[in-house]
Amino acid sequence: MTRGQAVITILVMAACTLATRALPFALFGGGRRAPKVVLYLGRTLPYAIIGMLIVYCLRGARPLVWPRALPEAVGLAVTAVVYLMGKRALPAVLGGTAAYMIALRVIG
């Protein structure tokens, strides 16, 4: 890739990012109420995405092969406990990831 192609690629990515960030304000700005379907998706999609991520992350776990799935179980448990304690997603994800990585190194 030449320098010119890299610059064009970066400019296109920046324009796409700006467009996706500005589009909701252009459509629903000025005090206009969002359509009911958009409000519904805003309420339900975060939970659906988290569910998909859980399935994706645990797709290779083999719970019947000892101790193969133990790091995943530790990470999942720490994530759930930290989230239930504080109702904050970022500390739960960070804590669960750290616990998984430590368990993966210790348990193997």
N, C-alpha and C. Protein backbone atom coordinates (compact mmCIF):
# COMPACT_ATOMS: atom_id res chain seq x y z
N MET A 1 0.86 -1.17 0.00
CA MET A 1 0.00 0.00 0.00
C MET A 1 0.90 1.23 0.00
N THR A 2 0.60 2.13 -0.89
CA THR A 2 1.40 3.35 -0.96
C THR A 2 0.94 4.34 0.09
N ARG A 3 1.73 5.39 0.26
CA ARG A 3 1.38 6.41 1.25
C ARG A 3 0.07 7.10 0.88
N GLY A 4 -0.15 7.34 -0.40
CA GLY A 4 -1.39 7.97 -0.85
C GLY A 4 -2.61 7.10 -0.57
N GLN A 5 -2.46 5.80 -0.82
CA GLN A 5 -3.56 4.87 -0.53
C GLN A 5 -3.86 4.83 0.96
N ALA A 6 -2.82 4.86 1.78
CA ALA A 6 -3.02 4.85 3.23
C ALA A 6 -3.76 6.10 3.68
N VAL A 7 -3.38 7.25 3.13
CA VAL A 7 -4.05 8.51 3.50
C VAL A 7 -5.51 8.48 3.07
N ILE A 8 -5.78 7.99 1.87
CA ILE A 8 -7.17 7.90 1.39
C ILE A 8 -7.97 6.94 2.27
N THR A 9 -7.37 5.82 2.63
CA THR A 9 -8.05 4.85 3.49
C THR A 9 -8.39 5.48 4.84
N ILE A 10 -7.46 6.20 5.42
CA ILE A 10 -7.71 6.85 6.72
C ILE A 10 -8.80 7.90 6.58
N LEU A 11 -8.78 8.69 5.51
CA LEU A 11 -9.81 9.71 5.31
C LEU A 11 -11.20 9.09 5.14
N VAL A 12 -11.28 7.98 4.39
CA VAL A 12 -12.57 7.31 4.21
C VAL A 12 -13.07 6.76 5.55
N MET A 13 -12.17 6.14 6.33
CA MET A 13 -12.58 5.61 7.64
C MET A 13 -13.02 6.74 8.56
N ALA A 14 -12.33 7.86 8.54
CA ALA A 14 -12.71 9.01 9.38
C ALA A 14 -14.07 9.56 8.96
N ALA A 15 -14.31 9.65 7.65
CA ALA A 15 -15.60 10.15 7.17
C ALA A 15 -16.74 9.21 7.56
N CYS A 16 -16.50 7.91 7.45
CA CYS A 16 -17.54 6.94 7.84
C CYS A 16 -17.81 7.01 9.34
N THR A 17 -16.77 7.13 10.13
CA THR A 17 -16.95 7.24 11.58
C THR A 17 -17.72 8.51 11.93
N LEU A 18 -17.35 9.62 11.32
CA LEU A 18 -18.05 10.88 11.58
C LEU A 18 -19.51 10.79 11.16
N ALA A 19 -19.77 10.16 10.01
CA ALA A 19 -21.15 10.03 9.54
C ALA A 19 -21.98 9.20 10.49
N THR A 20 -21.44 8.09 10.98
CA THR A 20 -22.24 7.25 11.88
C THR A 20 -22.45 7.92 13.24
N ARG A 21 -21.54 8.78 13.64
CA ARG A 21 -21.71 9.51 14.90
C ARG A 21 -22.70 10.66 14.74
N ALA A 22 -22.69 11.33 13.59
CA ALA A 22 -23.52 12.52 13.38
C ALA A 22 -24.93 12.19 12.92
N LEU A 23 -25.11 11.04 12.28
CA LEU A 23 -26.42 10.70 11.71
C LEU A 23 -27.57 10.72 12.74
N PRO A 24 -27.41 10.12 13.92
CA PRO A 24 -28.52 10.18 14.88
C PRO A 24 -28.89 11.61 15.28
N PHE A 25 -27.90 12.49 15.40
CA PHE A 25 -28.19 13.88 15.75
C PHE A 25 -28.89 14.59 14.60
N ALA A 26 -28.52 14.26 13.37
CA ALA A 26 -29.18 14.87 12.22
C ALA A 26 -30.62 14.39 12.09
N LEU A 27 -30.85 13.10 12.38
CA LEU A 27 -32.20 12.56 12.25
C LEU A 27 -33.12 12.92 13.41
N PHE A 28 -32.58 12.89 14.64
CA PHE A 28 -33.43 13.04 15.81
C PHE A 28 -33.10 14.27 16.64
N GLY A 29 -32.29 15.16 16.13
CA GLY A 29 -31.93 16.37 16.87
C GLY A 29 -33.06 17.39 16.84
N GLY A 30 -32.86 18.48 17.53
CA GLY A 30 -33.85 19.55 17.53
C GLY A 30 -35.09 19.25 18.32
N GLY A 31 -34.99 18.36 19.28
CA GLY A 31 -36.14 18.08 20.14
C GLY A 31 -37.14 17.10 19.55
N ARG A 32 -36.86 16.56 18.37
CA ARG A 32 -37.77 15.58 17.79
C ARG A 32 -37.66 14.26 18.54
N ARG A 33 -38.76 13.62 18.72
CA ARG A 33 -38.78 12.33 19.42
C ARG A 33 -38.44 11.22 18.45
N ALA A 34 -37.62 10.29 18.92
CA ALA A 34 -37.24 9.14 18.10
C ALA A 34 -38.45 8.23 17.91
N PRO A 35 -38.52 7.55 16.79
CA PRO A 35 -39.62 6.60 16.56
C PRO A 35 -39.60 5.47 17.60
N LYS A 36 -40.78 4.87 17.79
CA LYS A 36 -40.90 3.82 18.80
C LYS A 36 -39.96 2.65 18.54
N VAL A 37 -39.75 2.31 17.27
CA VAL A 37 -38.87 1.18 16.96
C VAL A 37 -37.43 1.49 17.37
N VAL A 38 -37.00 2.71 17.23
CA VAL A 38 -35.64 3.09 17.64
C VAL A 38 -35.52 3.04 19.16
N LEU A 39 -36.52 3.50 19.87
CA LEU A 39 -36.51 3.43 21.33
C LEU A 39 -36.51 1.97 21.80
N TYR A 40 -37.29 1.13 21.13
CA TYR A 40 -37.33 -0.29 21.47
C TYR A 40 -35.96 -0.94 21.26
N LEU A 41 -35.35 -0.66 20.13
CA LEU A 41 -34.02 -1.22 19.85
C LEU A 41 -32.99 -0.71 20.86
N GLY A 42 -33.11 0.53 21.27
CA GLY A 42 -32.20 1.08 22.27
C GLY A 42 -32.33 0.38 23.62
N ARG A 43 -33.51 -0.12 23.93
CA ARG A 43 -33.72 -0.84 25.19
C ARG A 43 -33.29 -2.30 25.09
N THR A 44 -33.51 -2.94 23.96
CA THR A 44 -33.29 -4.38 23.88
C THR A 44 -31.94 -4.80 23.30
N LEU A 45 -31.37 -4.04 22.40
CA LEU A 45 -30.14 -4.46 21.75
C LEU A 45 -28.95 -4.63 22.69
N PRO A 46 -28.76 -3.78 23.69
CA PRO A 46 -27.61 -4.02 24.58
C PRO A 46 -27.64 -5.40 25.22
N TYR A 47 -28.77 -5.85 25.66
CA TYR A 47 -28.88 -7.18 26.28
C TYR A 47 -28.65 -8.28 25.24
N ALA A 48 -29.16 -8.10 24.04
CA ALA A 48 -28.96 -9.08 22.99
C ALA A 48 -27.49 -9.17 22.60
N ILE A 49 -26.82 -8.04 22.54
CA ILE A 49 -25.40 -8.03 22.18
C ILE A 49 -24.58 -8.70 23.27
N ILE A 50 -24.87 -8.43 24.53
CA ILE A 50 -24.15 -9.07 25.63
C ILE A 50 -24.37 -10.59 25.58
N GLY A 51 -25.59 -11.01 25.32
CA GLY A 51 -25.87 -12.44 25.20
C GLY A 51 -25.08 -13.08 24.07
N MET A 52 -25.01 -12.40 22.93
CA MET A 52 -24.22 -12.91 21.80
C MET A 52 -22.75 -12.98 22.15
N LEU A 53 -22.24 -11.99 22.87
CA LEU A 53 -20.83 -12.00 23.27
C LEU A 53 -20.53 -13.15 24.22
N ILE A 54 -21.45 -13.42 25.12
CA ILE A 54 -21.25 -14.55 26.05
C ILE A 54 -21.18 -15.86 25.28
N VAL A 55 -22.11 -16.04 24.36
CA VAL A 55 -22.10 -17.26 23.56
C VAL A 55 -20.82 -17.35 22.74
N TYR A 56 -20.40 -16.24 22.15
CA TYR A 56 -19.19 -16.23 21.34
C TYR A 56 -17.95 -16.55 22.18
N CYS A 57 -17.87 -15.96 23.36
CA CYS A 57 -16.70 -16.17 24.21
C CYS A 57 -16.63 -17.58 24.77
N LEU A 58 -17.77 -18.19 25.01
CA LEU A 58 -17.78 -19.53 25.60
C LEU A 58 -17.97 -20.64 24.58
N ARG A 59 -17.93 -20.32 23.29
CA ARG A 59 -18.20 -21.32 22.26
C ARG A 59 -17.19 -22.46 22.26
N GLY A 60 -15.96 -22.19 22.65
CA GLY A 60 -14.94 -23.24 22.64
C GLY A 60 -14.74 -23.91 23.99
N ALA A 61 -15.49 -23.50 24.98
CA ALA A 61 -15.34 -24.08 26.32
C ALA A 61 -15.79 -25.53 26.31
N ARG A 62 -15.02 -26.35 27.00
CA ARG A 62 -15.36 -27.78 27.10
C ARG A 62 -15.56 -28.10 28.58
N PRO A 63 -16.76 -27.94 29.09
CA PRO A 63 -16.99 -28.07 30.53
C PRO A 63 -16.78 -29.48 31.08
N LEU A 64 -16.82 -30.50 30.24
CA LEU A 64 -16.67 -31.87 30.73
C LEU A 64 -15.22 -32.34 30.73
N VAL A 65 -14.31 -31.51 30.24
CA VAL A 65 -12.89 -31.87 30.20
C VAL A 65 -12.19 -31.09 31.30
N TRP A 66 -11.81 -31.79 32.36
CA TRP A 66 -11.21 -31.14 33.52
C TRP A 66 -9.74 -30.88 33.25
N PRO A 67 -9.16 -29.80 33.60
CA PRO A 67 -9.68 -28.52 34.06
C PRO A 67 -9.80 -27.52 32.92
N ARG A 68 -10.05 -27.99 31.71
CA ARG A 68 -10.05 -27.15 30.52
C ARG A 68 -10.97 -25.95 30.62
N ALA A 69 -12.16 -26.10 31.14
CA ALA A 69 -13.11 -24.99 31.18
C ALA A 69 -13.03 -24.19 32.47
N LEU A 70 -12.13 -24.53 33.35
CA LEU A 70 -12.05 -23.82 34.63
C LEU A 70 -11.70 -22.34 34.48
N PRO A 71 -10.75 -21.94 33.62
CA PRO A 71 -10.50 -20.51 33.46
C PRO A 71 -11.72 -19.74 32.97
N GLU A 72 -12.47 -20.32 32.05
CA GLU A 72 -13.68 -19.66 31.58
C GLU A 72 -14.70 -19.52 32.70
N ALA A 73 -14.84 -20.56 33.52
CA ALA A 73 -15.78 -20.50 34.64
C ALA A 73 -15.36 -19.44 35.65
N VAL A 74 -14.06 -19.35 35.92
CA VAL A 74 -13.57 -18.34 36.86
C VAL A 74 -13.84 -16.94 36.31
N GLY A 75 -13.51 -16.72 35.04
CA GLY A 75 -13.75 -15.41 34.43
C GLY A 75 -15.22 -15.03 34.42
N LEU A 76 -16.07 -15.98 34.08
CA LEU A 76 -17.51 -15.73 34.05
C LEU A 76 -18.04 -15.42 35.44
N ALA A 77 -17.60 -16.19 36.45
CA ALA A 77 -18.06 -15.96 37.82
C ALA A 77 -17.60 -14.60 38.35
N VAL A 78 -16.35 -14.25 38.10
CA VAL A 78 -15.85 -12.95 38.57
C VAL A 78 -16.60 -11.82 37.88
N THR A 79 -16.83 -11.96 36.59
CA THR A 79 -17.58 -10.93 35.86
C THR A 79 -18.97 -10.75 36.45
N ALA A 80 -19.67 -11.85 36.72
CA ALA A 80 -21.02 -11.78 37.27
C ALA A 80 -21.02 -11.17 38.67
N VAL A 81 -20.09 -11.59 39.52
CA VAL A 81 -20.05 -11.08 40.90
C VAL A 81 -19.73 -9.59 40.91
N VAL A 82 -18.72 -9.18 40.14
CA VAL A 82 -18.35 -7.76 40.12
C VAL A 82 -19.50 -6.93 39.57
N TYR A 83 -20.18 -7.41 38.54
CA TYR A 83 -21.30 -6.65 38.01
C TYR A 83 -22.44 -6.55 39.02
N LEU A 84 -22.76 -7.65 39.67
CA LEU A 84 -23.87 -7.64 40.64
C LEU A 84 -23.55 -6.76 41.84
N MET A 85 -22.27 -6.64 42.18
CA MET A 85 -21.90 -5.80 43.32
C MET A 85 -22.04 -4.31 43.00
N GLY A 86 -21.71 -3.90 41.78
CA GLY A 86 -21.69 -2.48 41.50
C GLY A 86 -22.55 -2.01 40.35
N LYS A 87 -23.14 -2.94 39.60
CA LYS A 87 -23.97 -2.61 38.44
C LYS A 87 -23.21 -1.74 37.43
N ARG A 88 -21.90 -1.98 37.29
CA ARG A 88 -21.05 -1.25 36.34
C ARG A 88 -20.41 -2.25 35.39
N ALA A 89 -20.56 -2.02 34.10
CA ALA A 89 -20.09 -2.98 33.11
C ALA A 89 -18.56 -2.98 32.98
N LEU A 90 -17.95 -1.81 32.95
CA LEU A 90 -16.51 -1.75 32.71
C LEU A 90 -15.69 -2.46 33.78
N PRO A 91 -15.92 -2.20 35.07
CA PRO A 91 -15.16 -2.95 36.08
C PRO A 91 -15.43 -4.46 36.01
N ALA A 92 -16.66 -4.84 35.66
CA ALA A 92 -16.98 -6.27 35.56
C ALA A 92 -16.21 -6.92 34.42
N VAL A 93 -16.16 -6.26 33.28
CA VAL A 93 -15.43 -6.81 32.14
C VAL A 93 -13.94 -6.86 32.43
N LEU A 94 -13.40 -5.79 32.98
CA LEU A 94 -11.97 -5.76 33.30
C LEU A 94 -11.62 -6.81 34.36
N GLY A 95 -12.42 -6.91 35.40
CA GLY A 95 -12.17 -7.90 36.45
C GLY A 95 -12.28 -9.32 35.94
N GLY A 96 -13.30 -9.59 35.14
CA GLY A 96 -13.48 -10.92 34.58
C GLY A 96 -12.37 -11.30 33.62
N THR A 97 -11.94 -10.33 32.81
CA THR A 97 -10.83 -10.59 31.89
C THR A 97 -9.54 -10.87 32.64
N ALA A 98 -9.27 -10.06 33.66
CA ALA A 98 -8.06 -10.28 34.46
C ALA A 98 -8.10 -11.64 35.16
N ALA A 99 -9.25 -11.98 35.73
CA ALA A 99 -9.38 -13.27 36.41
C ALA A 99 -9.20 -14.42 35.43
N TYR A 100 -9.75 -14.28 34.24
CA TYR A 100 -9.60 -15.32 33.22
C TYR A 100 -8.13 -15.49 32.83
N MET A 101 -7.45 -14.37 32.59
CA MET A 101 -6.05 -14.45 32.18
C MET A 101 -5.18 -15.05 33.28
N ILE A 102 -5.44 -14.67 34.52
CA ILE A 102 -4.68 -15.24 35.64
C ILE A 102 -4.97 -16.73 35.77
N ALA A 103 -6.25 -17.10 35.70
CA ALA A 103 -6.62 -18.51 35.81
C ALA A 103 -6.04 -19.32 34.65
N LEU A 104 -5.99 -18.73 33.48
CA LEU A 104 -5.44 -19.42 32.33
C LEU A 104 -3.95 -19.70 32.53
N ARG A 105 -3.23 -18.77 33.12
CA ARG A 105 -1.79 -18.97 33.38
C ARG A 105 -1.55 -19.93 34.53
N VAL A 106 -2.39 -19.85 35.57
CA VAL A 106 -2.18 -20.68 36.75
C VAL A 106 -2.65 -22.12 36.51
N ILE A 107 -3.85 -22.25 35.95
CA ILE A 107 -4.44 -23.57 35.74
C ILE A 107 -3.94 -24.19 34.46
N GLY A 108 -3.79 -23.36 33.44
CA GLY A 108 -3.21 -23.84 32.19
C GLY A 108 -4.22 -24.31 31.24
